[in-house]
Amino acid sequence: MVKLVGKLVDDQTRCIHWNSQLDVMAIKFKCCQTFYPCFECHQEVANHDPIRYDLKIEKDATTSTILCGICHNEMTFNEYSNGIKCTSCLTDFNPGCKLHYGLYFENVPSNLKLCSL
C-alpha cells in the first residue's frame, strides 16, 4: 500500500481541502517522494518547501507522480493528463485539477498549461 500523508477525510485520497466525488487522486511531491492529496496538505504537514517536477527532464516526465485513490494505480503526468482519469480503473478525476498543474510541474506543455506559480 502506498503511503499517503495529509489531512485526509477518507481512504480514497480526499482531504479537508478537496473532497468532492471526483477528488480521488494524490500527487507524489518531488521534494519528499511522498504522496499528498493536495498542495495545501503538503504545505500544512511537511517541514520543507515543495519542489516541482520539470517535465522537460526525462526522469521527471517518466516518474509515476499521480495516484488513483480508488485502485491505487500510479501514473506519470502524461498518462494522467491524457484523459484526466485513471488509466487502470477509468475513474474520472476532478478536471479542475489542471488549474493547479503549475504548483506541481514545470514546463507543462502549452496545450495543457492553465496557470503557473
PDB file of N, CA and C in Angstrom:
ATOM      1  N   MET A   1       0.850  -1.190   0.000  1.00  0.00           N
ATOM      2  CA  MET A   1       0.000   0.000   0.000  1.00  0.00           C
ATOM      3  C   MET A   1       0.887   1.243   0.000  1.00  0.00           C
ATOM      4  N   VAL A   2       0.514   2.225  -0.793  1.00  0.00           N
ATOM      5  CA  VAL A   2       1.244   3.479  -0.901  1.00  0.00           C
ATOM      6  C   VAL A   2       0.955   4.341   0.320  1.00  0.00           C
ATOM      7  N   LYS A   3       1.992   4.964   0.847  1.00  0.00           N
ATOM      8  CA  LYS A   3       1.817   5.858   1.986  1.00  0.00           C
ATOM      9  C   LYS A   3       1.284   7.201   1.495  1.00  0.00           C
ATOM     10  N   LEU A   4       0.206   7.655   2.106  1.00  0.00           N
ATOM     11  CA  LEU A   4      -0.420   8.932   1.773  1.00  0.00           C
ATOM     12  C   LEU A   4      -0.414   9.792   3.025  1.00  0.00           C
ATOM     13  N   VAL A   5       0.043  11.032   2.878  1.00  0.00           N
ATOM     14  CA  VAL A   5       0.161  11.938   4.015  1.00  0.00           C
ATOM     15  C   VAL A   5      -0.702  13.163   3.756  1.00  0.00           C
ATOM     16  N   GLY A   6      -1.340  13.670   4.786  1.00  0.00           N
ATOM     17  CA  GLY A   6      -2.143  14.876   4.655  1.00  0.00           C
ATOM     18  C   GLY A   6      -3.326  14.836   5.594  1.00  0.00           C
ATOM     19  N   LYS A   7      -4.188  15.810   5.444  1.00  0.00           N
ATOM     20  CA  LYS A   7      -5.372  15.907   6.288  1.00  0.00           C
ATOM     21  C   LYS A   7      -6.528  15.207   5.591  1.00  0.00           C
ATOM     22  N   LEU A   8      -6.472  13.872   5.645  1.00  0.00           N
ATOM     23  CA  LEU A   8      -7.402  13.016   4.920  1.00  0.00           C
ATOM     24  C   LEU A   8      -8.785  12.983   5.575  1.00  0.00           C
ATOM     25  N   VAL A   9      -9.803  12.793   4.733  1.00  0.00           N
ATOM     26  CA  VAL A   9     -11.156  12.596   5.257  1.00  0.00           C
ATOM     27  C   VAL A   9     -11.691  11.209   4.914  1.00  0.00           C
ATOM     28  N   ASP A  10     -11.003  10.498   4.008  1.00  0.00           N
ATOM     29  CA  ASP A  10     -11.406   9.119   3.701  1.00  0.00           C
ATOM     30  C   ASP A  10     -10.217   8.354   3.137  1.00  0.00           C
ATOM     31  N   ASP A  11     -10.434   7.103   2.771  1.00  0.00           N
ATOM     32  CA  ASP A  11      -9.345   6.267   2.269  1.00  0.00           C
ATOM     33  C   ASP A  11      -9.218   6.302   0.749  1.00  0.00           C
ATOM     34  N   GLN A  12      -9.874   7.282   0.107  1.00  0.00           N
ATOM     35  CA  GLN A  12      -9.794   7.424  -1.342  1.00  0.00           C
ATOM     36  C   GLN A  12      -9.075   8.719  -1.744  1.00  0.00           C
ATOM     37  N   THR A  13      -8.240   9.225  -0.876  1.00  0.00           N
ATOM     38  CA  THR A  13      -7.364  10.397  -1.053  1.00  0.00           C
ATOM     39  C   THR A  13      -8.065  11.747  -0.926  1.00  0.00           C
ATOM     40  N   ARG A  14      -9.324  11.764  -0.537  1.00  0.00           N
ATOM     41  CA  ARG A  14      -9.970  13.062  -0.305  1.00  0.00           C
ATOM     42  C   ARG A  14      -9.395  13.667   0.974  1.00  0.00           C
ATOM     43  N   CYS A  15      -9.295  15.001   0.971  1.00  0.00           N
ATOM     44  CA  CYS A  15      -8.751  15.688   2.135  1.00  0.00           C
ATOM     45  C   CYS A  15      -9.703  16.804   2.560  1.00  0.00           C
ATOM     46  N   ILE A  16      -9.349  17.512   3.621  1.00  0.00           N
ATOM     47  CA  ILE A  16     -10.224  18.583   4.102  1.00  0.00           C
ATOM     48  C   ILE A  16     -10.317  19.737   3.108  1.00  0.00           C
ATOM     49  N   HIS A  17      -9.348  19.841   2.200  1.00  0.00           N
ATOM     50  CA  HIS A  17      -9.340  20.933   1.227  1.00  0.00           C
ATOM     51  C   HIS A  17     -10.121  20.591  -0.035  1.00  0.00           C
ATOM     52  N   TRP A  18     -10.030  19.355  -0.476  1.00  0.00           N
ATOM     53  CA  TRP A  18     -10.657  18.901  -1.721  1.00  0.00           C
ATOM     54  C   TRP A  18     -11.329  17.552  -1.444  1.00  0.00           C
ATOM     55  N   ASN A  19     -12.671  17.536  -1.472  1.00  0.00           N
ATOM     56  CA  ASN A  19     -13.356  16.296  -1.092  1.00  0.00           C
ATOM     57  C   ASN A  19     -14.645  16.033  -1.847  1.00  0.00           C
ATOM     58  N   SER A  20     -14.680  16.429  -3.122  1.00  0.00           N
ATOM     59  CA  SER A  20     -15.847  16.097  -3.944  1.00  0.00           C
ATOM     60  C   SER A  20     -15.757  14.643  -4.406  1.00  0.00           C
ATOM     61  N   GLN A  21     -16.779  14.169  -5.068  1.00  0.00           N
ATOM     62  CA  GLN A  21     -16.783  12.805  -5.604  1.00  0.00           C
ATOM     63  C   GLN A  21     -15.591  12.570  -6.527  1.00  0.00           C
ATOM     64  N   LEU A  22     -15.133  13.614  -7.243  1.00  0.00           N
ATOM     65  CA  LEU A  22     -14.061  13.469  -8.218  1.00  0.00           C
ATOM     66  C   LEU A  22     -12.659  13.687  -7.639  1.00  0.00           C
ATOM     67  N   ASP A  23     -12.567  14.068  -6.379  1.00  0.00           N
ATOM     68  CA  ASP A  23     -11.266  14.343  -5.763  1.00  0.00           C
ATOM     69  C   ASP A  23     -10.657  13.061  -5.203  1.00  0.00           C
ATOM     70  N   VAL A  24     -10.300  12.166  -6.124  1.00  0.00           N
ATOM     71  CA  VAL A  24      -9.786  10.853  -5.738  1.00  0.00           C
ATOM     72  C   VAL A  24      -8.430  10.590  -6.392  1.00  0.00           C
ATOM     73  N   MET A  25      -7.532  11.534  -6.258  1.00  0.00           N
ATOM     74  CA  MET A  25      -6.169  11.361  -6.739  1.00  0.00           C
ATOM     75  C   MET A  25      -5.222  12.094  -5.803  1.00  0.00           C
ATOM     76  N   ALA A  26      -4.006  11.628  -5.748  1.00  0.00           N
ATOM     77  CA  ALA A  26      -2.978  12.268  -4.938  1.00  0.00           C
ATOM     78  C   ALA A  26      -1.743  12.469  -5.803  1.00  0.00           C
ATOM     79  N   ILE A  27      -0.866  13.352  -5.348  1.00  0.00           N
ATOM     80  CA  ILE A  27       0.336  13.689  -6.102  1.00  0.00           C
ATOM     81  C   ILE A  27       1.571  13.399  -5.256  1.00  0.00           C
ATOM     82  N   LYS A  28       2.545  12.735  -5.887  1.00  0.00           N
ATOM     83  CA  LYS A  28       3.816  12.482  -5.217  1.00  0.00           C
ATOM     84  C   LYS A  28       4.688  13.724  -5.391  1.00  0.00           C
ATOM     85  N   PHE A  29       5.048  14.339  -4.289  1.00  0.00           N
ATOM     86  CA  PHE A  29       5.885  15.535  -4.347  1.00  0.00           C
ATOM     87  C   PHE A  29       7.334  15.142  -4.585  1.00  0.00           C
ATOM     88  N   LYS A  30       7.984  15.839  -5.497  1.00  0.00           N
ATOM     89  CA  LYS A  30       9.369  15.542  -5.852  1.00  0.00           C
ATOM     90  C   LYS A  30      10.307  15.724  -4.656  1.00  0.00           C
ATOM     91  N   CYS A  31      10.034  16.728  -3.854  1.00  0.00           N
ATOM     92  CA  CYS A  31      10.925  17.078  -2.745  1.00  0.00           C
ATOM     93  C   CYS A  31      11.033  15.982  -1.699  1.00  0.00           C
ATOM     94  N   CYS A  32       9.973  15.251  -1.460  1.00  0.00           N
ATOM     95  CA  CYS A  32       9.993  14.259  -0.384  1.00  0.00           C
ATOM     96  C   CYS A  32       9.565  12.863  -0.851  1.00  0.00           C
ATOM     97  N   GLN A  33       9.234  12.734  -2.147  1.00  0.00           N
ATOM     98  CA  GLN A  33       8.814  11.452  -2.706  1.00  0.00           C
ATOM     99  C   GLN A  33       7.682  10.839  -1.894  1.00  0.00           C
ATOM    100  N   THR A  34       6.747  11.713  -1.488  1.00  0.00           N
ATOM    101  CA  THR A  34       5.605  11.307  -0.672  1.00  0.00           C
ATOM    102  C   THR A  34       4.331  11.775  -1.348  1.00  0.00           C
ATOM    103  N   PHE A  35       3.305  10.934  -1.332  1.00  0.00           N
ATOM    104  CA  PHE A  35       2.012  11.310  -1.900  1.00  0.00           C
ATOM    105  C   PHE A  35       1.213  12.148  -0.904  1.00  0.00           C
ATOM    106  N   TYR A  36       0.665  13.252  -1.400  1.00  0.00           N
ATOM    107  CA  TYR A  36      -0.246  14.113  -0.646  1.00  0.00           C
ATOM    108  C   TYR A  36      -1.494  14.313  -1.501  1.00  0.00           C
ATOM    109  N   PRO A  37      -2.665  14.485  -0.872  1.00  0.00           N
ATOM    110  CA  PRO A  37      -3.874  14.734  -1.644  1.00  0.00           C
ATOM    111  C   PRO A  37      -3.849  16.071  -2.383  1.00  0.00           C
ATOM    112  N   CYS A  38      -3.120  17.058  -1.831  1.00  0.00           N
ATOM    113  CA  CYS A  38      -3.106  18.375  -2.468  1.00  0.00           C
ATOM    114  C   CYS A  38      -1.930  19.209  -1.976  1.00  0.00           C
ATOM    115  N   PHE A  39      -1.720  20.320  -2.641  1.00  0.00           N
ATOM    116  CA  PHE A  39      -0.655  21.248  -2.306  1.00  0.00           C
ATOM    117  C   PHE A  39      -0.818  21.779  -0.884  1.00  0.00           C
ATOM    118  N   GLU A  40      -2.055  22.116  -0.509  1.00  0.00           N
ATOM    119  CA  GLU A  40      -2.315  22.647   0.835  1.00  0.00           C
ATOM    120  C   GLU A  40      -1.927  21.641   1.922  1.00  0.00           C
ATOM    121  N   CYS A  41      -2.238  20.367   1.704  1.00  0.00           N
ATOM    122  CA  CYS A  41      -1.857  19.338   2.678  1.00  0.00           C
ATOM    123  C   CYS A  41      -0.341  19.300   2.834  1.00  0.00           C
ATOM    124  N   HIS A  42       0.379  19.371   1.716  1.00  0.00           N
ATOM    125  CA  HIS A  42       1.839  19.376   1.794  1.00  0.00           C
ATOM    126  C   HIS A  42       2.320  20.585   2.592  1.00  0.00           C
ATOM    127  N   GLN A  43       1.768  21.749   2.306  1.00  0.00           N
ATOM    128  CA  GLN A  43       2.192  22.972   2.991  1.00  0.00           C
ATOM    129  C   GLN A  43       1.942  22.884   4.499  1.00  0.00           C
ATOM    130  N   GLU A  44       0.843  22.276   4.894  1.00  0.00           N
ATOM    131  CA  GLU A  44       0.471  22.216   6.303  1.00  0.00           C
ATOM    132  C   GLU A  44       1.196  21.114   7.081  1.00  0.00           C
ATOM    133  N   VAL A  45       1.628  20.059   6.392  1.00  0.00           N
ATOM    134  CA  VAL A  45       2.193  18.904   7.083  1.00  0.00           C
ATOM    135  C   VAL A  45       3.715  18.813   6.926  1.00  0.00           C
ATOM    136  N   ALA A  46       4.237  19.118   5.748  1.00  0.00           N
ATOM    137  CA  ALA A  46       5.680  18.987   5.501  1.00  0.00           C
ATOM    138  C   ALA A  46       6.445  20.138   6.152  1.00  0.00           C
ATOM    139  N   ASN A  47       7.697  19.885   6.473  1.00  0.00           N
ATOM    140  CA  ASN A  47       8.521  20.927   7.078  1.00  0.00           C
ATOM    141  C   ASN A  47       9.534  21.485   6.082  1.00  0.00           C
ATOM    142  N   HIS A  48       9.152  21.492   4.798  1.00  0.00           N
ATOM    143  CA  HIS A  48      10.029  21.998   3.742  1.00  0.00           C
ATOM    144  C   HIS A  48       9.192  22.561   2.599  1.00  0.00           C
ATOM    145  N   ASP A  49       9.843  23.345   1.750  1.00  0.00           N
ATOM    146  CA  ASP A  49       9.165  23.907   0.581  1.00  0.00           C
ATOM    147  C   ASP A  49       9.044  22.840  -0.506  1.00  0.00           C
ATOM    148  N   PRO A  50       7.984  22.909  -1.298  1.00  0.00           N
ATOM    149  CA  PRO A  50       7.818  21.936  -2.380  1.00  0.00           C
ATOM    150  C   PRO A  50       8.816  22.193  -3.513  1.00  0.00           C
ATOM    151  N   ILE A  51       9.154  21.134  -4.213  1.00  0.00           N
ATOM    152  CA  ILE A  51       9.961  21.217  -5.431  1.00  0.00           C
ATOM    153  C   ILE A  51       9.116  20.608  -6.537  1.00  0.00           C
ATOM    154  N   ARG A  52       9.045  21.315  -7.669  1.00  0.00           N
ATOM    155  CA  ARG A  52       8.224  20.840  -8.781  1.00  0.00           C
ATOM    156  C   ARG A  52       9.005  19.912  -9.715  1.00  0.00           C
ATOM    157  N   TYR A  53       8.287  18.990 -10.327  1.00  0.00           N
ATOM    158  CA  TYR A  53       8.863  18.149 -11.374  1.00  0.00           C
ATOM    159  C   TYR A  53       9.028  19.001 -12.616  1.00  0.00           C
ATOM    160  N   ASP A  54      10.126  18.828 -13.332  1.00  0.00           N
ATOM    161  CA  ASP A  54      10.371  19.523 -14.600  1.00  0.00           C
ATOM    162  C   ASP A  54      10.079  18.536 -15.716  1.00  0.00           C
ATOM    163  N   LEU A  55       8.998  18.754 -16.433  1.00  0.00           N
ATOM    164  CA  LEU A  55       8.568  17.798 -17.449  1.00  0.00           C
ATOM    165  C   LEU A  55       9.469  17.768 -18.675  1.00  0.00           C
ATOM    166  N   LYS A  56      10.458  18.673 -18.752  1.00  0.00           N
ATOM    167  CA  LYS A  56      11.456  18.611 -19.828  1.00  0.00           C
ATOM    168  C   LYS A  56      12.594  17.651 -19.479  1.00  0.00           C
ATOM    169  N   ILE A  57      12.661  17.244 -18.223  1.00  0.00           N
ATOM    170  CA  ILE A  57      13.672  16.276 -17.785  1.00  0.00           C
ATOM    171  C   ILE A  57      13.043  14.890 -17.855  1.00  0.00           C
ATOM    172  N   GLU A  58      13.668  14.005 -18.609  1.00  0.00           N
ATOM    173  CA  GLU A  58      13.071  12.687 -18.851  1.00  0.00           C
ATOM    174  C   GLU A  58      12.731  11.948 -17.565  1.00  0.00           C
ATOM    175  N   LYS A  59      13.628  11.984 -16.591  1.00  0.00           N
ATOM    176  CA  LYS A  59      13.368  11.275 -15.334  1.00  0.00           C
ATOM    177  C   LYS A  59      12.106  11.800 -14.660  1.00  0.00           C
ATOM    178  N   ASP A  60      11.928  13.117 -14.652  1.00  0.00           N
ATOM    179  CA  ASP A  60      10.728  13.702 -14.054  1.00  0.00           C
ATOM    180  C   ASP A  60       9.475  13.361 -14.862  1.00  0.00           C
ATOM    181  N   ALA A  61       9.602  13.396 -16.180  1.00  0.00           N
ATOM    182  CA  ALA A  61       8.448  13.124 -17.048  1.00  0.00           C
ATOM    183  C   ALA A  61       8.004  11.672 -16.987  1.00  0.00           C
ATOM    184  N   THR A  62       8.921  10.767 -16.651  1.00  0.00           N
ATOM    185  CA  THR A  62       8.581   9.342 -16.639  1.00  0.00           C
ATOM    186  C   THR A  62       8.384   8.785 -15.230  1.00  0.00           C
ATOM    187  N   THR A  63       8.435   9.652 -14.230  1.00  0.00           N
ATOM    188  CA  THR A  63       8.199   9.237 -12.852  1.00  0.00           C
ATOM    189  C   THR A  63       6.696   9.128 -12.599  1.00  0.00           C
ATOM    190  N   SER A  64       6.282   8.092 -11.918  1.00  0.00           N
ATOM    191  CA  SER A  64       4.865   7.974 -11.534  1.00  0.00           C
ATOM    192  C   SER A  64       4.594   8.981 -10.427  1.00  0.00           C
ATOM    193  N   THR A  65       3.807   9.990 -10.743  1.00  0.00           N
ATOM    194  CA  THR A  65       3.554  11.095  -9.813  1.00  0.00           C
ATOM    195  C   THR A  65       2.099  11.185  -9.361  1.00  0.00           C
ATOM    196  N   ILE A  66       1.213  10.468 -10.022  1.00  0.00           N
ATOM    197  CA  ILE A  66      -0.214  10.560  -9.736  1.00  0.00           C
ATOM    198  C   ILE A  66      -0.706   9.212  -9.209  1.00  0.00           C
ATOM    199  N   LEU A  67      -1.486   9.260  -8.142  1.00  0.00           N
ATOM    200  CA  LEU A  67      -2.036   8.056  -7.525  1.00  0.00           C
ATOM    201  C   LEU A  67      -3.558   8.100  -7.590  1.00  0.00           C
ATOM    202  N   CYS A  68      -4.153   7.047  -8.112  1.00  0.00           N
ATOM    203  CA  CYS A  68      -5.606   6.928  -8.097  1.00  0.00           C
ATOM    204  C   CYS A  68      -6.043   6.511  -6.698  1.00  0.00           C
ATOM    205  N   GLY A  69      -6.972   7.252  -6.127  1.00  0.00           N
ATOM    206  CA  GLY A  69      -7.465   6.951  -4.792  1.00  0.00           C
ATOM    207  C   GLY A  69      -8.412   5.765  -4.743  1.00  0.00           C
ATOM    208  N   ILE A  70      -8.878   5.321  -5.886  1.00  0.00           N
ATOM    209  CA  ILE A  70      -9.811   4.200  -5.932  1.00  0.00           C
ATOM    210  C   ILE A  70      -9.058   2.867  -6.012  1.00  0.00           C
ATOM    211  N   CYS A  71      -8.164   2.722  -7.004  1.00  0.00           N
ATOM    212  CA  CYS A  71      -7.483   1.440  -7.205  1.00  0.00           C
ATOM    213  C   CYS A  71      -5.998   1.480  -6.849  1.00  0.00           C
ATOM    214  N   HIS A  72      -5.480   2.647  -6.509  1.00  0.00           N
ATOM    215  CA  HIS A  72      -4.077   2.850  -6.114  1.00  0.00           C
ATOM    216  C   HIS A  72      -3.090   2.660  -7.257  1.00  0.00           C
ATOM    217  N   ASN A  73      -3.572   2.785  -8.478  1.00  0.00           N
ATOM    218  CA  ASN A  73      -2.709   2.773  -9.653  1.00  0.00           C
ATOM    219  C   ASN A  73      -1.864   4.053  -9.660  1.00  0.00           C
ATOM    220  N   GLU A  74      -0.595   3.913  -9.990  1.00  0.00           N
ATOM    221  CA  GLU A  74       0.289   5.071 -10.116  1.00  0.00           C
ATOM    222  C   GLU A  74       0.514   5.369 -11.589  1.00  0.00           C
ATOM    223  N   MET A  75       0.496   6.674 -11.939  1.00  0.00           N
ATOM    224  CA  MET A  75       0.618   7.117 -13.325  1.00  0.00           C
ATOM    225  C   MET A  75       1.632   8.233 -13.457  1.00  0.00           C
ATOM    226  N   THR A  76       2.181   8.365 -14.655  1.00  0.00           N
ATOM    227  CA  THR A  76       3.011   9.522 -14.955  1.00  0.00           C
ATOM    228  C   THR A  76       2.096  10.713 -15.226  1.00  0.00           C
ATOM    229  N   PHE A  77       2.663  11.904 -15.271  1.00  0.00           N
ATOM    230  CA  PHE A  77       1.873  13.084 -15.594  1.00  0.00           C
ATOM    231  C   PHE A  77       1.227  12.934 -16.973  1.00  0.00           C
ATOM    232  N   ASN A  78       1.975  12.451 -17.968  1.00  0.00           N
ATOM    233  CA  ASN A  78       1.423  12.308 -19.319  1.00  0.00           C
ATOM    234  C   ASN A  78       0.262  11.332 -19.366  1.00  0.00           C
ATOM    235  N   GLU A  79       0.395  10.210 -18.658  1.00  0.00           N
ATOM    236  CA  GLU A  79      -0.708   9.248 -18.625  1.00  0.00           C
ATOM    237  C   GLU A  79      -1.950   9.879 -18.008  1.00  0.00           C
ATOM    238  N   TYR A  80      -1.759  10.570 -16.900  1.00  0.00           N
ATOM    239  CA  TYR A  80      -2.861  11.219 -16.197  1.00  0.00           C
ATOM    240  C   TYR A  80      -3.496  12.327 -17.045  1.00  0.00           C
ATOM    241  N   SER A  81      -2.666  13.216 -17.589  1.00  0.00           N
ATOM    242  CA  SER A  81      -3.192  14.392 -18.289  1.00  0.00           C
ATOM    243  C   SER A  81      -3.823  14.044 -19.633  1.00  0.00           C
ATOM    244  N   ASN A  82      -3.547  12.864 -20.143  1.00  0.00           N
ATOM    245  CA  ASN A  82      -4.120  12.443 -21.421  1.00  0.00           C
ATOM    246  C   ASN A  82      -5.630  12.277 -21.355  1.00  0.00           C
ATOM    247  N   GLY A  83      -6.170  11.952 -20.187  1.00  0.00           N
ATOM    248  CA  GLY A  83      -7.612  11.755 -20.104  1.00  0.00           C
ATOM    249  C   GLY A  83      -8.236  12.231 -18.817  1.00  0.00           C
ATOM    250  N   ILE A  84      -7.447  12.692 -17.858  1.00  0.00           N
ATOM    251  CA  ILE A  84      -7.911  13.122 -16.528  1.00  0.00           C
ATOM    252  C   ILE A  84      -8.760  12.014 -15.893  1.00  0.00           C
ATOM    253  N   LYS A  85      -8.245  10.792 -16.034  1.00  0.00           N
ATOM    254  CA  LYS A  85      -8.883   9.636 -15.410  1.00  0.00           C
ATOM    255  C   LYS A  85      -7.823   8.586 -15.158  1.00  0.00           C
ATOM    256  N   CYS A  86      -8.142   7.646 -14.318  1.00  0.00           N
ATOM    257  CA  CYS A  86      -7.217   6.565 -14.021  1.00  0.00           C
ATOM    258  C   CYS A  86      -7.040   5.681 -15.252  1.00  0.00           C
ATOM    259  N   THR A  87      -5.807   5.360 -15.558  1.00  0.00           N
ATOM    260  CA  THR A  87      -5.534   4.501 -16.708  1.00  0.00           C
ATOM    261  C   THR A  87      -5.845   3.034 -16.421  1.00  0.00           C
ATOM    262  N   SER A  88      -6.092   2.708 -15.160  1.00  0.00           N
ATOM    263  CA  SER A  88      -6.388   1.323 -14.793  1.00  0.00           C
ATOM    264  C   SER A  88      -7.890   1.094 -14.598  1.00  0.00           C
ATOM    265  N   CYS A  89      -8.483   1.802 -13.646  1.00  0.00           N
ATOM    266  CA  CYS A  89      -9.903   1.565 -13.337  1.00  0.00           C
ATOM    267  C   CYS A  89     -10.843   2.546 -14.053  1.00  0.00           C
ATOM    268  N   LEU A  90     -10.290   3.506 -14.759  1.00  0.00           N
ATOM    269  CA  LEU A  90     -11.030   4.501 -15.558  1.00  0.00           C
ATOM    270  C   LEU A  90     -11.874   5.465 -14.728  1.00  0.00           C
ATOM    271  N   THR A  91     -11.593   5.566 -13.439  1.00  0.00           N
ATOM    272  CA  THR A  91     -12.278   6.543 -12.594  1.00  0.00           C
ATOM    273  C   THR A  91     -11.938   7.948 -13.068  1.00  0.00           C
ATOM    274  N   ASP A  92     -12.950   8.786 -13.221  1.00  0.00           N
ATOM    275  CA  ASP A  92     -12.737  10.184 -13.595  1.00  0.00           C
ATOM    276  C   ASP A  92     -12.195  10.960 -12.411  1.00  0.00           C
ATOM    277  N   PHE A  93     -11.242  11.870 -12.701  1.00  0.00           N
ATOM    278  CA  PHE A  93     -10.702  12.758 -11.695  1.00  0.00           C
ATOM    279  C   PHE A  93     -11.272  14.158 -11.900  1.00  0.00           C
ATOM    280  N   ASN A  94     -11.102  15.009 -10.932  1.00  0.00           N
ATOM    281  CA  ASN A  94     -11.591  16.381 -10.989  1.00  0.00           C
ATOM    282  C   ASN A  94     -10.866  17.131 -12.110  1.00  0.00           C
ATOM    283  N   PRO A  95     -11.594  17.543 -13.162  1.00  0.00           N
ATOM    284  CA  PRO A  95     -10.940  18.250 -14.266  1.00  0.00           C
ATOM    285  C   PRO A  95     -10.388  19.605 -13.843  1.00  0.00           C
ATOM    286  N   GLY A  96     -10.868  20.157 -12.737  1.00  0.00           N
ATOM    287  CA  GLY A  96     -10.367  21.429 -12.235  1.00  0.00           C
ATOM    288  C   GLY A  96      -8.946  21.347 -11.722  1.00  0.00           C
ATOM    289  N   CYS A  97      -8.447  20.127 -11.488  1.00  0.00           N
ATOM    290  CA  CYS A  97      -7.064  19.971 -11.010  1.00  0.00           C
ATOM    291  C   CYS A  97      -6.064  20.545 -12.007  1.00  0.00           C
ATOM    292  N   LYS A  98      -6.435  20.582 -13.283  1.00  0.00           N
ATOM    293  CA  LYS A  98      -5.495  21.121 -14.268  1.00  0.00           C
ATOM    294  C   LYS A  98      -5.208  22.603 -14.026  1.00  0.00           C
ATOM    295  N   LEU A  99      -6.065  23.264 -13.282  1.00  0.00           N
ATOM    296  CA  LEU A  99      -5.807  24.666 -12.936  1.00  0.00           C
ATOM    297  C   LEU A  99      -4.597  24.808 -12.021  1.00  0.00           C
ATOM    298  N   HIS A 100      -4.183  23.697 -11.397  1.00  0.00           N
ATOM    299  CA  HIS A 100      -3.095  23.730 -10.420  1.00  0.00           C
ATOM    300  C   HIS A 100      -1.823  23.027 -10.884  1.00  0.00           C
ATOM    301  N   TYR A 101      -1.739  22.657 -12.138  1.00  0.00           N
ATOM    302  CA  TYR A 101      -0.548  21.963 -12.638  1.00  0.00           C
ATOM    303  C   TYR A 101       0.726  22.712 -12.276  1.00  0.00           C
ATOM    304  N   GLY A 102       0.701  24.036 -12.365  1.00  0.00           N
ATOM    305  CA  GLY A 102       1.883  24.850 -12.103  1.00  0.00           C
ATOM    306  C   GLY A 102       2.403  24.745 -10.681  1.00  0.00           C
ATOM    307  N   LEU A 103       1.594  24.274  -9.757  1.00  0.00           N
ATOM    308  CA  LEU A 103       2.057  24.086  -8.382  1.00  0.00           C
ATOM    309  C   LEU A 103       2.957  22.863  -8.251  1.00  0.00           C
ATOM    310  N   TYR A 104       2.786  21.907  -9.157  1.00  0.00           N
ATOM    311  CA  TYR A 104       3.465  20.622  -9.051  1.00  0.00           C
ATOM    312  C   TYR A 104       4.492  20.360 -10.162  1.00  0.00           C
ATOM    313  N   PHE A 105       4.275  21.002 -11.327  1.00  0.00           N
ATOM    314  CA  PHE A 105       5.067  20.687 -12.515  1.00  0.00           C
ATOM    315  C   PHE A 105       5.564  21.959 -13.204  1.00  0.00           C
ATOM    316  N   GLU A 106       6.822  21.897 -13.688  1.00  0.00           N
ATOM    317  CA  GLU A 106       7.383  22.941 -14.538  1.00  0.00           C
ATOM    318  C   GLU A 106       7.360  22.444 -15.972  1.00  0.00           C
ATOM    319  N   ASN A 107       7.322  23.390 -16.910  1.00  0.00           N
ATOM    320  CA  ASN A 107       7.372  23.080 -18.340  1.00  0.00           C
ATOM    321  C   ASN A 107       6.235  22.161 -18.776  1.00  0.00           C
ATOM    322  N   VAL A 108       5.048  22.481 -18.287  1.00  0.00           N
ATOM    323  CA  VAL A 108       3.843  21.776 -18.728  1.00  0.00           C
ATOM    324  C   VAL A 108       3.606  22.159 -20.187  1.00  0.00           C
ATOM    325  N   PRO A 109       3.310  21.216 -21.054  1.00  0.00           N
ATOM    326  CA  PRO A 109       3.039  21.548 -22.454  1.00  0.00           C
ATOM    327  C   PRO A 109       2.002  22.663 -22.568  1.00  0.00           C
ATOM    328  N   SER A 110       2.219  23.590 -23.478  1.00  0.00           N
ATOM    329  CA  SER A 110       1.373  24.783 -23.575  1.00  0.00           C
ATOM    330  C   SER A 110      -0.102  24.457 -23.809  1.00  0.00           C
ATOM    331  N   ASN A 111      -0.401  23.337 -24.443  1.00  0.00           N
ATOM    332  CA  ASN A 111      -1.811  22.987 -24.664  1.00  0.00           C
ATOM    333  C   ASN A 111      -2.491  22.504 -23.380  1.00  0.00           C
ATOM    334  N   LEU A 112      -1.707  22.251 -22.323  1.00  0.00           N
ATOM    335  CA  LEU A 112      -2.262  21.799 -21.038  1.00  0.00           C
ATOM    336  C   LEU A 112      -2.144  22.847 -19.955  1.00  0.00           C
ATOM    337  N   LYS A 113      -1.264  23.824 -20.139  1.00  0.00           N
ATOM    338  CA  LYS A 113      -0.939  24.777 -19.083  1.00  0.00           C
ATOM    339  C   LYS A 113      -2.055  25.807 -18.912  1.00  0.00           C
ATOM    340  N   LEU A 114      -2.569  25.902 -17.701  1.00  0.00           N
ATOM    341  CA  LEU A 114      -3.633  26.857 -17.414  1.00  0.00           C
ATOM    342  C   LEU A 114      -3.232  27.864 -16.341  1.00  0.00           C
ATOM    343  N   CYS A 115      -2.194  27.577 -15.575  1.00  0.00           N
ATOM    344  CA  CYS A 115      -1.725  28.519 -14.571  1.00  0.00           C
ATOM    345  C   CYS A 115      -0.275  28.213 -14.236  1.00  0.00           C
ATOM    346  N   SER A 116       0.345  29.097 -13.529  1.00  0.00           N
ATOM    347  CA  SER A 116       1.710  28.872 -13.078  1.00  0.00           C
ATOM    348  C   SER A 116       1.906  29.574 -11.761  1.00  0.00           C
ATOM    349  N   LEU A 117       3.041  29.328 -11.130  1.00  0.00           N
ATOM    350  CA  LEU A 117       3.352  29.984  -9.866  1.00  0.00           C
ATOM    351  C   LEU A 117       3.620  31.455 -10.075  1.00  0.00           C
TER     352      LEU A 117
END
